[in-house]
Amino acid sequence: MGIISALAGFSDPMFRFLIDHWLGVIAVFLLLLFSALYYYLRSRIFFDWRIFAILIATSVSCLITFALYAYGAFNNTDFTGAIFASWIGNVIFFTIIGVVVAIVSLARPEDEPFYNRARILLGRKSGEHIKYMISRLTDLMEHYSEKTDTTVTIISYDAQNKLFRTHLITSYEIRSYLYDEPSIYIYTIRYDNMTPAPSGLEDNVVRHIKINESLEGYPETFKNSFAREIKTTIAANSSCKVSIELEFWVTQEKEGNNHKTKRYTQRLSLNITNAIAPPMHVVIKLVTCDQSSPISIPLAPGESKLVCNKENLHPGVEAYNFWIHPS
């Protein structure tokens, strides 16, 4: 109170307002400080509501202390002053030591590096045999697909050979289960038992393979099969986008176009567009993983339809198979 009284002699109106309402000023300052800290922590991976509760309790304790001081509870010659002195000691102790201990005790193992998380699984043991097993666990962690989107465009029809020319783009967004560690992604792109191009017509061709928009190689023609291995590093807390574009011939009615999942897939979609020139109607015969018999989907000239949309598919599941029929 002596400091407040000494400062009260200043005549500046704004300064006098701050002096007369110093408790409110401190309260507003603490509110702004902890609000900023809250929004900062909330934007971080390590945000925990328990930490925010500790910060709120600390700020309330400080406000109570200032309020008691403002109302003269600091006089240590009476019982109230003795309680206030004890209160001050406890607040200081908790603020300096208790908050630090509390925050440290709230450490979450799931936010630690994978090596530490794996050691917890192995009883926190150490040694070369533990390092070996952790490296094996790392190798066993496969990748999964957040989404797999395929767009098929039927672009022409060869009536003489009863073949459709189709354009296909398949895009994958791949992540590692070890989200906070870099990982090596290896995948073999393979197409087998394709219909070779008739004499005098354009060959089957892989237009591009892209990894995170970076082109891998050049267009490559093939007859009835194609295979290429791709390899890339997926950064920590990131994903890898793989795009494959090709054109190929498909025998009408007889040749299926299937997709079998190579890894766990959270979402998968298939969109088919009829862009045949000159225009003609077609019918798509479609079988999906949860259907026992094919369904017929008519496609008028220029029409596009989302014909398959699945979620949470396990590896090795034939998500769909479809055949193209002239209408």
C-alpha atoms as a PDB file:
ATOM      1  CA  MET A   1       0.000   0.000   0.000  1.00  0.00           C
ATOM      2  CA  GLY A   2       2.979   2.343   0.628  1.00  0.00           C
ATOM      3  CA  ILE A   3       4.032   2.110  -3.011  1.00  0.00           C
ATOM      4  CA  ILE A   4       0.497   2.740  -4.201  1.00  0.00           C
ATOM      5  CA  SER A   5       0.201   5.764  -1.890  1.00  0.00           C
ATOM      6  CA  ALA A   6       3.505   7.203  -3.096  1.00  0.00           C
ATOM      7  CA  LEU A   7       2.494   6.861  -6.738  1.00  0.00           C
ATOM      8  CA  ALA A   8      -0.868   8.491  -6.011  1.00  0.00           C
ATOM      9  CA  GLY A   9       0.781  11.904  -5.984  1.00  0.00           C
ATOM     10  CA  PHE A  10       1.138  11.974  -9.765  1.00  0.00           C
ATOM     11  CA  SER A  11      -1.416  14.248 -11.420  1.00  0.00           C
ATOM     12  CA  ASP A  12      -1.646  12.783 -14.955  1.00  0.00           C
ATOM     13  CA  PRO A  13      -5.333  11.706 -15.359  1.00  0.00           C
ATOM     14  CA  MET A  14      -4.538   8.465 -17.210  1.00  0.00           C
ATOM     15  CA  PHE A  15      -1.824   7.560 -14.718  1.00  0.00           C
ATOM     16  CA  ARG A  16      -4.119   8.361 -11.802  1.00  0.00           C
ATOM     17  CA  PHE A  17      -6.813   6.124 -13.329  1.00  0.00           C
ATOM     18  CA  LEU A  18      -4.320   3.265 -13.526  1.00  0.00           C
ATOM     19  CA  ILE A  19      -3.235   3.830  -9.925  1.00  0.00           C
ATOM     20  CA  ASP A  20      -6.803   4.007  -8.626  1.00  0.00           C
ATOM     21  CA  HIS A  21      -7.750   0.833 -10.475  1.00  0.00           C
ATOM     22  CA  TRP A  22      -4.442  -1.029 -10.260  1.00  0.00           C
ATOM     23  CA  LEU A  23      -6.075  -4.296  -9.215  1.00  0.00           C
ATOM     24  CA  GLY A  24      -8.310  -4.272 -12.295  1.00  0.00           C
ATOM     25  CA  VAL A  25      -5.330  -3.413 -14.501  1.00  0.00           C
ATOM     26  CA  ILE A  26      -3.406  -6.404 -13.168  1.00  0.00           C
ATOM     27  CA  ALA A  27      -6.455  -8.633 -13.640  1.00  0.00           C
ATOM     28  CA  VAL A  28      -6.864  -7.528 -17.278  1.00  0.00           C
ATOM     29  CA  PHE A  29      -3.145  -8.003 -17.881  1.00  0.00           C
ATOM     30  CA  LEU A  30      -3.253 -11.553 -16.490  1.00  0.00           C
ATOM     31  CA  LEU A  31      -6.380 -12.311 -18.515  1.00  0.00           C
ATOM     32  CA  LEU A  32      -4.732 -11.161 -21.740  1.00  0.00           C
ATOM     33  CA  LEU A  33      -1.507 -12.987 -20.903  1.00  0.00           C
ATOM     34  CA  PHE A  34      -3.162 -16.326 -20.199  1.00  0.00           C
ATOM     35  CA  SER A  35      -5.573 -15.955 -23.131  1.00  0.00           C
ATOM     36  CA  ALA A  36      -2.627 -15.470 -25.488  1.00  0.00           C
ATOM     37  CA  LEU A  37      -0.848 -18.422 -23.888  1.00  0.00           C
ATOM     38  CA  TYR A  38      -3.983 -20.550 -24.236  1.00  0.00           C
ATOM     39  CA  TYR A  39      -4.375 -19.853 -27.971  1.00  0.00           C
ATOM     40  CA  TYR A  40      -0.675 -20.437 -28.513  1.00  0.00           C
ATOM     41  CA  LEU A  41      -0.751 -23.787 -26.731  1.00  0.00           C
ATOM     42  CA  ARG A  42      -3.941 -24.806 -28.497  1.00  0.00           C
ATOM     43  CA  SER A  43      -2.187 -24.375 -31.841  1.00  0.00           C
ATOM     44  CA  ARG A  44       0.615 -26.687 -30.780  1.00  0.00           C
ATOM     45  CA  ILE A  45       0.636 -30.503 -30.945  1.00  0.00           C
ATOM     46  CA  PHE A  46       1.397 -30.768 -27.236  1.00  0.00           C
ATOM     47  CA  PHE A  47      -1.647 -28.758 -26.045  1.00  0.00           C
ATOM     48  CA  ASP A  48      -3.328 -30.370 -23.034  1.00  0.00           C
ATOM     49  CA  TRP A  49      -6.419 -29.058 -21.261  1.00  0.00           C
ATOM     50  CA  ARG A  50      -4.834 -30.013 -17.932  1.00  0.00           C
ATOM     51  CA  ILE A  51      -2.028 -27.505 -18.521  1.00  0.00           C
ATOM     52  CA  PHE A  52      -4.628 -24.830 -19.236  1.00  0.00           C
ATOM     53  CA  ALA A  53      -6.420 -25.729 -15.970  1.00  0.00           C
ATOM     54  CA  ILE A  54      -3.143 -25.256 -14.059  1.00  0.00           C
ATOM     55  CA  LEU A  55      -2.617 -21.853 -15.689  1.00  0.00           C
ATOM     56  CA  ILE A  56      -6.154 -20.770 -14.782  1.00  0.00           C
ATOM     57  CA  ALA A  57      -5.715 -21.918 -11.152  1.00  0.00           C
ATOM     58  CA  THR A  58      -2.416 -20.029 -10.930  1.00  0.00           C
ATOM     59  CA  SER A  59      -3.921 -16.815 -12.319  1.00  0.00           C
ATOM     60  CA  VAL A  60      -6.914 -17.034  -9.955  1.00  0.00           C
ATOM     61  CA  SER A  61      -4.536 -17.513  -7.017  1.00  0.00           C
ATOM     62  CA  CYS A  62      -2.587 -14.427  -8.058  1.00  0.00           C
ATOM     63  CA  LEU A  63      -5.775 -12.376  -8.368  1.00  0.00           C
ATOM     64  CA  ILE A  64      -6.916 -13.457  -4.888  1.00  0.00           C
ATOM     65  CA  THR A  65      -3.498 -12.489  -3.506  1.00  0.00           C
ATOM     66  CA  PHE A  66      -3.672  -9.016  -5.081  1.00  0.00           C
ATOM     67  CA  ALA A  67      -7.218  -8.554  -3.802  1.00  0.00           C
ATOM     68  CA  LEU A  68      -6.221  -9.453  -0.230  1.00  0.00           C
ATOM     69  CA  TYR A  69      -3.243  -7.110  -0.443  1.00  0.00           C
ATOM     70  CA  ALA A  70      -5.438  -4.286  -1.746  1.00  0.00           C
ATOM     71  CA  TYR A  71      -7.779  -4.618   1.218  1.00  0.00           C
ATOM     72  CA  GLY A  72      -4.986  -4.473   3.794  1.00  0.00           C
ATOM     73  CA  ALA A  73      -4.657  -8.135   4.712  1.00  0.00           C
ATOM     74  CA  PHE A  74      -0.849  -7.819   4.765  1.00  0.00           C
ATOM     75  CA  ASN A  75      -0.659  -6.638   8.409  1.00  0.00           C
ATOM     76  CA  ASN A  76       1.251  -9.479  10.075  1.00  0.00           C
ATOM     77  CA  THR A  77       0.487  -8.231  13.615  1.00  0.00           C
ATOM     78  CA  ASP A  78      -2.947  -9.865  13.617  1.00  0.00           C
ATOM     79  CA  PHE A  79      -4.439 -13.254  12.751  1.00  0.00           C
ATOM     80  CA  THR A  80      -5.558 -12.181   9.257  1.00  0.00           C
ATOM     81  CA  GLY A  81      -2.060 -11.004   8.412  1.00  0.00           C
ATOM     82  CA  ALA A  82      -0.584 -14.346   9.537  1.00  0.00           C
ATOM     83  CA  ILE A  83      -2.993 -16.216   7.251  1.00  0.00           C
ATOM     84  CA  PHE A  84      -2.114 -13.894   4.412  1.00  0.00           C
ATOM     85  CA  ALA A  85       1.619 -14.476   4.945  1.00  0.00           C
ATOM     86  CA  SER A  86       1.045 -18.241   4.863  1.00  0.00           C
ATOM     87  CA  TRP A  87      -1.077 -17.832   1.722  1.00  0.00           C
ATOM     88  CA  ILE A  88       1.674 -15.824   0.035  1.00  0.00           C
ATOM     89  CA  GLY A  89       4.248 -18.495   0.843  1.00  0.00           C
ATOM     90  CA  ASN A  90       2.091 -21.272  -0.590  1.00  0.00           C
ATOM     91  CA  VAL A  91       1.311 -19.328  -3.753  1.00  0.00           C
ATOM     92  CA  ILE A  92       4.986 -18.556  -4.359  1.00  0.00           C
ATOM     93  CA  PHE A  93       5.965 -22.174  -3.687  1.00  0.00           C
ATOM     94  CA  PHE A  94       3.360 -23.559  -6.054  1.00  0.00           C
ATOM     95  CA  THR A  95       4.060 -20.977  -8.753  1.00  0.00           C
ATOM     96  CA  ILE A  96       7.822 -21.570  -8.796  1.00  0.00           C
ATOM     97  CA  ILE A  97       7.948 -25.294  -8.052  1.00  0.00           C
ATOM     98  CA  GLY A  98       4.447 -26.750  -8.269  1.00  0.00           C
ATOM     99  CA  VAL A  99       3.646 -25.523 -11.792  1.00  0.00           C
ATOM    100  CA  VAL A 100       6.931 -26.857 -13.174  1.00  0.00           C
ATOM    101  CA  VAL A 101       6.468 -30.226 -11.463  1.00  0.00           C
ATOM    102  CA  ALA A 102       2.836 -30.443 -12.576  1.00  0.00           C
ATOM    103  CA  ILE A 103       3.611 -29.668 -16.229  1.00  0.00           C
ATOM    104  CA  VAL A 104       6.515 -32.149 -16.294  1.00  0.00           C
ATOM    105  CA  SER A 105       4.285 -34.826 -14.762  1.00  0.00           C
ATOM    106  CA  LEU A 106       1.767 -34.289 -17.589  1.00  0.00           C
ATOM    107  CA  ALA A 107       4.214 -35.522 -20.228  1.00  0.00           C
ATOM    108  CA  ARG A 108       2.439 -37.722 -22.777  1.00  0.00           C
ATOM    109  CA  PRO A 109       4.345 -40.800 -23.999  1.00  0.00           C
ATOM    110  CA  GLU A 110       2.500 -40.752 -27.336  1.00  0.00           C
ATOM    111  CA  ASP A 111       4.192 -37.435 -28.158  1.00  0.00           C
ATOM    112  CA  GLU A 112       7.706 -38.763 -27.565  1.00  0.00           C
ATOM    113  CA  PRO A 113       9.970 -39.998 -30.395  1.00  0.00           C
ATOM    114  CA  PHE A 114       9.234 -43.480 -31.717  1.00  0.00           C
ATOM    115  CA  TYR A 115      12.395 -44.903 -30.108  1.00  0.00           C
ATOM    116  CA  ASN A 116      11.082 -43.943 -26.654  1.00  0.00           C
ATOM    117  CA  ARG A 117       7.569 -45.192 -27.429  1.00  0.00           C
ATOM    118  CA  ALA A 118       8.972 -48.530 -28.593  1.00  0.00           C
ATOM    119  CA  ARG A 119      11.060 -48.836 -25.424  1.00  0.00           C
ATOM    120  CA  ILE A 120       7.872 -48.442 -23.379  1.00  0.00           C
ATOM    121  CA  LEU A 121       6.396 -51.352 -25.347  1.00  0.00           C
ATOM    122  CA  LEU A 122       9.527 -53.367 -24.519  1.00  0.00           C
ATOM    123  CA  GLY A 123       9.421 -52.561 -20.799  1.00  0.00           C
ATOM    124  CA  ARG A 124      11.860 -49.606 -21.062  1.00  0.00           C
ATOM    125  CA  LYS A 125      14.743 -52.041 -21.370  1.00  0.00           C
ATOM    126  CA  SER A 126      17.971 -51.058 -23.104  1.00  0.00           C
ATOM    127  CA  GLY A 127      20.768 -52.778 -24.944  1.00  0.00           C
ATOM    128  CA  GLU A 128      21.751 -53.780 -28.453  1.00  0.00           C
ATOM    129  CA  HIS A 129      18.986 -56.399 -28.645  1.00  0.00           C
ATOM    130  CA  ILE A 130      16.424 -53.677 -27.876  1.00  0.00           C
ATOM    131  CA  LYS A 131      17.886 -51.431 -30.578  1.00  0.00           C
ATOM    132  CA  TYR A 132      17.654 -54.336 -33.017  1.00  0.00           C
ATOM    133  CA  MET A 133      14.005 -55.005 -32.180  1.00  0.00           C
ATOM    134  CA  ILE A 134      13.106 -51.322 -32.474  1.00  0.00           C
ATOM    135  CA  SER A 135      14.679 -51.234 -35.948  1.00  0.00           C
ATOM    136  CA  ARG A 136      12.624 -54.326 -36.867  1.00  0.00           C
ATOM    137  CA  LEU A 137       9.458 -52.654 -35.602  1.00  0.00           C
ATOM    138  CA  THR A 138      10.276 -49.642 -37.751  1.00  0.00           C
ATOM    139  CA  ASP A 139      10.640 -51.865 -40.827  1.00  0.00           C
ATOM    140  CA  LEU A 140       7.340 -53.603 -40.101  1.00  0.00           C
ATOM    141  CA  MET A 141       5.391 -50.348 -40.018  1.00  0.00           C
ATOM    142  CA  GLU A 142       3.780 -50.148 -43.459  1.00  0.00           C
ATOM    143  CA  HIS A 143       2.103 -47.188 -45.117  1.00  0.00           C
ATOM    144  CA  TYR A 144      -1.574 -46.510 -45.624  1.00  0.00           C
ATOM    145  CA  SER A 145      -3.578 -44.511 -48.125  1.00  0.00           C
ATOM    146  CA  GLU A 146      -5.608 -41.596 -46.828  1.00  0.00           C
ATOM    147  CA  LYS A 147      -7.407 -41.466 -50.150  1.00  0.00           C
ATOM    148  CA  THR A 148      -7.252 -43.184 -53.526  1.00  0.00           C
ATOM    149  CA  ASP A 149      -9.094 -41.427 -56.345  1.00  0.00           C
ATOM    150  CA  THR A 150      -9.420 -42.893 -59.837  1.00  0.00           C
ATOM    151  CA  THR A 151     -10.872 -41.057 -62.831  1.00  0.00           C
ATOM    152  CA  VAL A 152     -11.600 -43.053 -65.992  1.00  0.00           C
ATOM    153  CA  THR A 153     -12.474 -41.223 -69.211  1.00  0.00           C
ATOM    154  CA  ILE A 154     -13.695 -43.246 -72.206  1.00  0.00           C
ATOM    155  CA  ILE A 155     -12.340 -41.273 -75.166  1.00  0.00           C
ATOM    156  CA  SER A 156     -12.972 -43.358 -78.302  1.00  0.00           C
ATOM    157  CA  TYR A 157     -14.445 -46.568 -79.696  1.00  0.00           C
ATOM    158  CA  ASP A 158     -13.042 -48.883 -82.373  1.00  0.00           C
ATOM    159  CA  ALA A 159     -16.087 -50.697 -83.738  1.00  0.00           C
ATOM    160  CA  GLN A 160     -14.013 -52.977 -85.994  1.00  0.00           C
ATOM    161  CA  ASN A 161     -12.027 -54.476 -83.096  1.00  0.00           C
ATOM    162  CA  LYS A 162     -14.721 -53.845 -80.479  1.00  0.00           C
ATOM    163  CA  LEU A 163     -12.324 -51.868 -78.276  1.00  0.00           C
ATOM    164  CA  PHE A 164     -12.702 -48.771 -76.119  1.00  0.00           C
ATOM    165  CA  ARG A 165      -9.825 -46.343 -75.671  1.00  0.00           C
ATOM    166  CA  THR A 166      -9.715 -45.221 -72.052  1.00  0.00           C
ATOM    167  CA  HIS A 167      -7.754 -42.585 -70.194  1.00  0.00           C
ATOM    168  CA  LEU A 168      -7.054 -43.258 -66.506  1.00  0.00           C
ATOM    169  CA  ILE A 169      -5.652 -41.137 -63.691  1.00  0.00           C
ATOM    170  CA  THR A 170      -5.190 -42.659 -60.250  1.00  0.00           C
ATOM    171  CA  SER A 171      -4.024 -40.486 -57.357  1.00  0.00           C
ATOM    172  CA  TYR A 172      -2.871 -41.780 -53.975  1.00  0.00           C
ATOM    173  CA  GLU A 173      -2.169 -39.833 -50.815  1.00  0.00           C
ATOM    174  CA  ILE A 174       0.157 -42.013 -48.736  1.00  0.00           C
ATOM    175  CA  ARG A 175       1.108 -41.663 -45.075  1.00  0.00           C
ATOM    176  CA  SER A 176       3.222 -43.666 -42.675  1.00  0.00           C
ATOM    177  CA  TYR A 177       1.857 -45.020 -39.409  1.00  0.00           C
ATOM    178  CA  LEU A 178       5.038 -43.553 -37.891  1.00  0.00           C
ATOM    179  CA  TYR A 179       3.725 -40.073 -38.559  1.00  0.00           C
ATOM    180  CA  ASP A 180       6.528 -38.254 -36.715  1.00  0.00           C
ATOM    181  CA  GLU A 181       9.434 -40.154 -38.318  1.00  0.00           C
ATOM    182  CA  PRO A 182      10.745 -40.050 -41.930  1.00  0.00           C
ATOM    183  CA  SER A 183       9.966 -43.254 -43.825  1.00  0.00           C
ATOM    184  CA  ILE A 184      10.934 -44.905 -47.101  1.00  0.00           C
ATOM    185  CA  TYR A 185       8.009 -45.615 -49.417  1.00  0.00           C
ATOM    186  CA  ILE A 186       8.554 -48.285 -52.080  1.00  0.00           C
ATOM    187  CA  TYR A 187       5.784 -49.277 -54.466  1.00  0.00           C
ATOM    188  CA  THR A 188       5.677 -51.241 -57.723  1.00  0.00           C
ATOM    189  CA  ILE A 189       3.187 -49.923 -60.261  1.00  0.00           C
ATOM    190  CA  ARG A 190       2.004 -52.911 -62.283  1.00  0.00           C
ATOM    191  CA  TYR A 191      -0.550 -53.523 -65.026  1.00  0.00           C
ATOM    192  CA  ASP A 192      -0.889 -57.027 -66.490  1.00  0.00           C
ATOM    193  CA  ASN A 193      -2.990 -58.803 -69.118  1.00  0.00           C
ATOM    194  CA  MET A 194      -3.859 -55.616 -70.984  1.00  0.00           C
ATOM    195  CA  THR A 195      -5.274 -55.670 -74.516  1.00  0.00           C
ATOM    196  CA  PRO A 196      -2.521 -54.816 -77.058  1.00  0.00           C
ATOM    197  CA  ALA A 197      -3.199 -51.982 -79.484  1.00  0.00           C
ATOM    198  CA  PRO A 198      -4.593 -53.111 -82.860  1.00  0.00           C
ATOM    199  CA  SER A 199      -2.331 -52.668 -85.857  1.00  0.00           C
ATOM    200  CA  GLY A 200      -2.175 -49.037 -86.975  1.00  0.00           C
ATOM    201  CA  LEU A 201      -3.697 -47.632 -83.758  1.00  0.00           C
ATOM    202  CA  GLU A 202      -2.031 -45.818 -80.857  1.00  0.00           C
ATOM    203  CA  ASP A 203      -0.214 -48.029 -78.360  1.00  0.00           C
ATOM    204  CA  ASN A 204      -1.028 -48.365 -74.719  1.00  0.00           C
ATOM    205  CA  VAL A 205       0.996 -45.688 -72.951  1.00  0.00           C
ATOM    206  CA  VAL A 206       1.899 -44.486 -69.467  1.00  0.00           C
ATOM    207  CA  ARG A 207       1.660 -40.707 -69.778  1.00  0.00           C
ATOM    208  CA  HIS A 208       3.260 -39.866 -66.458  1.00  0.00           C
ATOM    209  CA  ILE A 209       4.088 -40.979 -62.941  1.00  0.00           C
ATOM    210  CA  LYS A 210       4.353 -38.137 -60.448  1.00  0.00           C
ATOM    211  CA  ILE A 211       5.530 -38.101 -56.850  1.00  0.00           C
ATOM    212  CA  ASN A 212       4.557 -34.884 -55.078  1.00  0.00           C
ATOM    213  CA  GLU A 213       4.134 -33.222 -58.496  1.00  0.00           C
ATOM    214  CA  SER A 214       7.671 -34.249 -59.484  1.00  0.00           C
ATOM    215  CA  LEU A 215       7.727 -36.140 -62.780  1.00  0.00           C
ATOM    216  CA  GLU A 216       9.271 -39.605 -62.636  1.00  0.00           C
ATOM    217  CA  GLY A 217      10.598 -40.546 -66.088  1.00  0.00           C
ATOM    218  CA  TYR A 218       8.995 -39.995 -69.502  1.00  0.00           C
ATOM    219  CA  PRO A 219       5.951 -41.381 -71.323  1.00  0.00           C
ATOM    220  CA  GLU A 220       6.411 -45.086 -72.010  1.00  0.00           C
ATOM    221  CA  THR A 221       4.455 -47.298 -74.383  1.00  0.00           C
ATOM    222  CA  PHE A 222       3.717 -50.959 -73.664  1.00  0.00           C
ATOM    223  CA  LYS A 223       1.831 -53.857 -75.225  1.00  0.00           C
ATOM    224  CA  ASN A 224       0.045 -55.905 -72.594  1.00  0.00           C
ATOM    225  CA  SER A 225       1.952 -55.308 -69.355  1.00  0.00           C
ATOM    226  CA  PHE A 226       3.822 -52.603 -67.518  1.00  0.00           C
ATOM    227  CA  ALA A 227       5.780 -52.493 -64.253  1.00  0.00           C
ATOM    228  CA  ARG A 228       7.878 -49.805 -62.595  1.00  0.00           C
ATOM    229  CA  GLU A 229       9.140 -49.445 -59.050  1.00  0.00           C
ATOM    230  CA  ILE A 230       9.034 -46.057 -57.379  1.00  0.00           C
ATOM    231  CA  LYS A 231      10.876 -45.115 -54.216  1.00  0.00           C
ATOM    232  CA  THR A 232      10.721 -41.941 -52.176  1.00  0.00           C
ATOM    233  CA  THR A 233      11.147 -40.607 -48.654  1.00  0.00           C
ATOM    234  CA  ILE A 234       8.081 -39.356 -46.804  1.00  0.00           C
ATOM    235  CA  ALA A 235       9.025 -36.595 -44.387  1.00  0.00           C
ATOM    236  CA  ALA A 236       7.907 -36.614 -40.768  1.00  0.00           C
ATOM    237  CA  ASN A 237       4.358 -35.309 -40.215  1.00  0.00           C
ATOM    238  CA  SER A 238       3.799 -35.297 -43.959  1.00  0.00           C
ATOM    239  CA  SER A 239       2.212 -37.311 -46.761  1.00  0.00           C
ATOM    240  CA  CYS A 240       3.265 -38.406 -50.232  1.00  0.00           C
ATOM    241  CA  LYS A 241       1.093 -37.813 -53.292  1.00  0.00           C
ATOM    242  CA  VAL A 242       1.495 -40.302 -56.141  1.00  0.00           C
ATOM    243  CA  SER A 243      -0.266 -39.785 -59.473  1.00  0.00           C
ATOM    244  CA  ILE A 244      -0.378 -42.269 -62.383  1.00  0.00           C
ATOM    245  CA  GLU A 245      -1.782 -41.394 -65.812  1.00  0.00           C
ATOM    246  CA  LEU A 246      -2.135 -43.819 -68.715  1.00  0.00           C
ATOM    247  CA  GLU A 247      -4.180 -44.614 -71.818  1.00  0.00           C
ATOM    248  CA  PHE A 248      -5.007 -48.138 -72.915  1.00  0.00           C
ATOM    249  CA  TRP A 249      -7.401 -50.270 -74.946  1.00  0.00           C
ATOM    250  CA  VAL A 250     -10.182 -52.262 -73.317  1.00  0.00           C
ATOM    251  CA  THR A 251     -12.164 -55.053 -74.960  1.00  0.00           C
ATOM    252  CA  GLN A 252     -15.854 -54.284 -74.781  1.00  0.00           C
ATOM    253  CA  GLU A 253     -17.997 -56.397 -72.435  1.00  0.00           C
ATOM    254  CA  LYS A 254     -15.287 -59.012 -71.732  1.00  0.00           C
ATOM    255  CA  GLU A 255     -12.333 -57.169 -70.197  1.00  0.00           C
ATOM    256  CA  GLY A 256     -12.690 -56.134 -66.581  1.00  0.00           C
ATOM    257  CA  ASN A 257     -10.992 -53.142 -64.983  1.00  0.00           C
ATOM    258  CA  ASN A 258     -10.471 -53.903 -61.321  1.00  0.00           C
ATOM    259  CA  HIS A 259      -8.737 -52.268 -58.383  1.00  0.00           C
ATOM    260  CA  LYS A 260      -7.315 -54.358 -55.550  1.00  0.00           C
ATOM    261  CA  THR A 261      -6.020 -52.435 -52.537  1.00  0.00           C
ATOM    262  CA  LYS A 262      -2.297 -52.831 -51.821  1.00  0.00           C
ATOM    263  CA  ARG A 263      -2.502 -51.182 -48.384  1.00  0.00           C
ATOM    264  CA  TYR A 264      -5.110 -50.036 -45.887  1.00  0.00           C
ATOM    265  CA  THR A 265      -7.205 -47.383 -47.630  1.00  0.00           C
ATOM    266  CA  GLN A 266      -9.292 -44.889 -45.690  1.00  0.00           C
ATOM    267  CA  ARG A 267     -11.227 -43.583 -48.696  1.00  0.00           C
ATOM    268  CA  LEU A 268     -11.486 -44.783 -52.299  1.00  0.00           C
ATOM    269  CA  SER A 269     -13.454 -43.346 -55.213  1.00  0.00           C
ATOM    270  CA  LEU A 270     -14.039 -44.138 -58.891  1.00  0.00           C
ATOM    271  CA  ASN A 271     -15.419 -41.608 -61.366  1.00  0.00           C
ATOM    272  CA  ILE A 272     -16.201 -42.548 -64.990  1.00  0.00           C
ATOM    273  CA  THR A 273     -16.790 -40.057 -67.826  1.00  0.00           C
ATOM    274  CA  ASN A 274     -18.156 -40.761 -71.304  1.00  0.00           C
ATOM    275  CA  ALA A 275     -16.165 -38.508 -73.675  1.00  0.00           C
ATOM    276  CA  ILE A 276     -16.362 -40.724 -76.776  1.00  0.00           C
ATOM    277  CA  ALA A 277     -16.129 -38.932 -80.113  1.00  0.00           C
ATOM    278  CA  PRO A 278     -18.264 -39.254 -82.128  1.00  0.00           C
ATOM    279  CA  PRO A 279     -20.785 -39.380 -79.260  1.00  0.00           C
ATOM    280  CA  MET A 280     -22.324 -42.691 -78.269  1.00  0.00           C
ATOM    281  CA  HIS A 281     -24.094 -44.136 -75.225  1.00  0.00           C
ATOM    282  CA  VAL A 282     -22.397 -46.755 -73.077  1.00  0.00           C
ATOM    283  CA  VAL A 283     -23.368 -48.891 -70.091  1.00  0.00           C
ATOM    284  CA  ILE A 284     -20.999 -49.642 -67.214  1.00  0.00           C
ATOM    285  CA  LYS A 285     -21.412 -53.022 -65.534  1.00  0.00           C
ATOM    286  CA  LEU A 286     -20.017 -52.560 -62.035  1.00  0.00           C
ATOM    287  CA  VAL A 287     -19.274 -54.932 -59.168  1.00  0.00           C
ATOM    288  CA  THR A 288     -17.981 -53.585 -55.838  1.00  0.00           C
ATOM    289  CA  CYS A 289     -16.614 -55.290 -52.737  1.00  0.00           C
ATOM    290  CA  ASP A 290     -20.004 -55.235 -51.022  1.00  0.00           C
ATOM    291  CA  GLN A 291     -22.113 -56.380 -53.987  1.00  0.00           C
ATOM    292  CA  SER A 292     -22.883 -59.953 -55.055  1.00  0.00           C
ATOM    293  CA  SER A 293     -23.979 -59.128 -58.614  1.00  0.00           C
ATOM    294  CA  PRO A 294     -23.147 -56.386 -61.130  1.00  0.00           C
ATOM    295  CA  ILE A 295     -25.252 -53.258 -61.540  1.00  0.00           C
ATOM    296  CA  SER A 296     -25.810 -51.391 -64.812  1.00  0.00           C
ATOM    297  CA  ILE A 297     -24.914 -47.699 -64.962  1.00  0.00           C
ATOM    298  CA  PRO A 298     -25.858 -45.913 -68.215  1.00  0.00           C
ATOM    299  CA  LEU A 299     -23.620 -43.077 -69.371  1.00  0.00           C
ATOM    300  CA  ALA A 300     -24.885 -40.623 -71.957  1.00  0.00           C
ATOM    301  CA  PRO A 301     -22.421 -38.697 -74.158  1.00  0.00           C
ATOM    302  CA  GLY A 302     -20.529 -36.170 -72.035  1.00  0.00           C
ATOM    303  CA  GLU A 303     -21.933 -37.589 -68.792  1.00  0.00           C
ATOM    304  CA  SER A 304     -19.761 -38.220 -65.726  1.00  0.00           C
ATOM    305  CA  LYS A 305     -20.713 -40.264 -62.658  1.00  0.00           C
ATOM    306  CA  LEU A 306     -19.180 -41.158 -59.325  1.00  0.00           C
ATOM    307  CA  VAL A 307     -19.825 -44.906 -59.435  1.00  0.00           C
ATOM    308  CA  CYS A 308     -17.877 -46.106 -56.406  1.00  0.00           C
ATOM    309  CA  ASN A 309     -17.099 -44.482 -53.064  1.00  0.00           C
ATOM    310  CA  LYS A 310     -15.775 -46.739 -50.291  1.00  0.00           C
ATOM    311  CA  GLU A 311     -14.146 -46.247 -46.896  1.00  0.00           C
ATOM    312  CA  ASN A 312     -11.804 -48.211 -44.636  1.00  0.00           C
ATOM    313  CA  LEU A 313     -10.718 -50.972 -46.992  1.00  0.00           C
ATOM    314  CA  HIS A 314      -8.202 -53.579 -45.827  1.00  0.00           C
ATOM    315  CA  PRO A 315      -5.235 -54.651 -47.994  1.00  0.00           C
ATOM    316  CA  GLY A 316      -6.044 -57.245 -50.658  1.00  0.00           C
ATOM    317  CA  VAL A 317      -9.697 -56.220 -51.103  1.00  0.00           C
ATOM    318  CA  GLU A 318     -10.985 -55.982 -54.673  1.00  0.00           C
ATOM    319  CA  ALA A 319     -12.739 -52.649 -54.274  1.00  0.00           C
ATOM    320  CA  TYR A 320     -14.389 -52.737 -57.698  1.00  0.00           C
ATOM    321  CA  ASN A 321     -14.399 -54.274 -61.174  1.00  0.00           C
ATOM    322  CA  PHE A 322     -16.208 -52.847 -64.176  1.00  0.00           C
ATOM    323  CA  TRP A 323     -16.871 -53.653 -67.825  1.00  0.00           C
ATOM    324  CA  ILE A 324     -17.780 -51.249 -70.628  1.00  0.00           C
ATOM    325  CA  HIS A 325     -20.709 -52.131 -72.900  1.00  0.00           C
ATOM    326  CA  PRO A 326     -21.887 -50.247 -75.966  1.00  0.00           C
ATOM    327  CA  SER A 327     -25.498 -49.190 -75.506  1.00  0.00           C
END
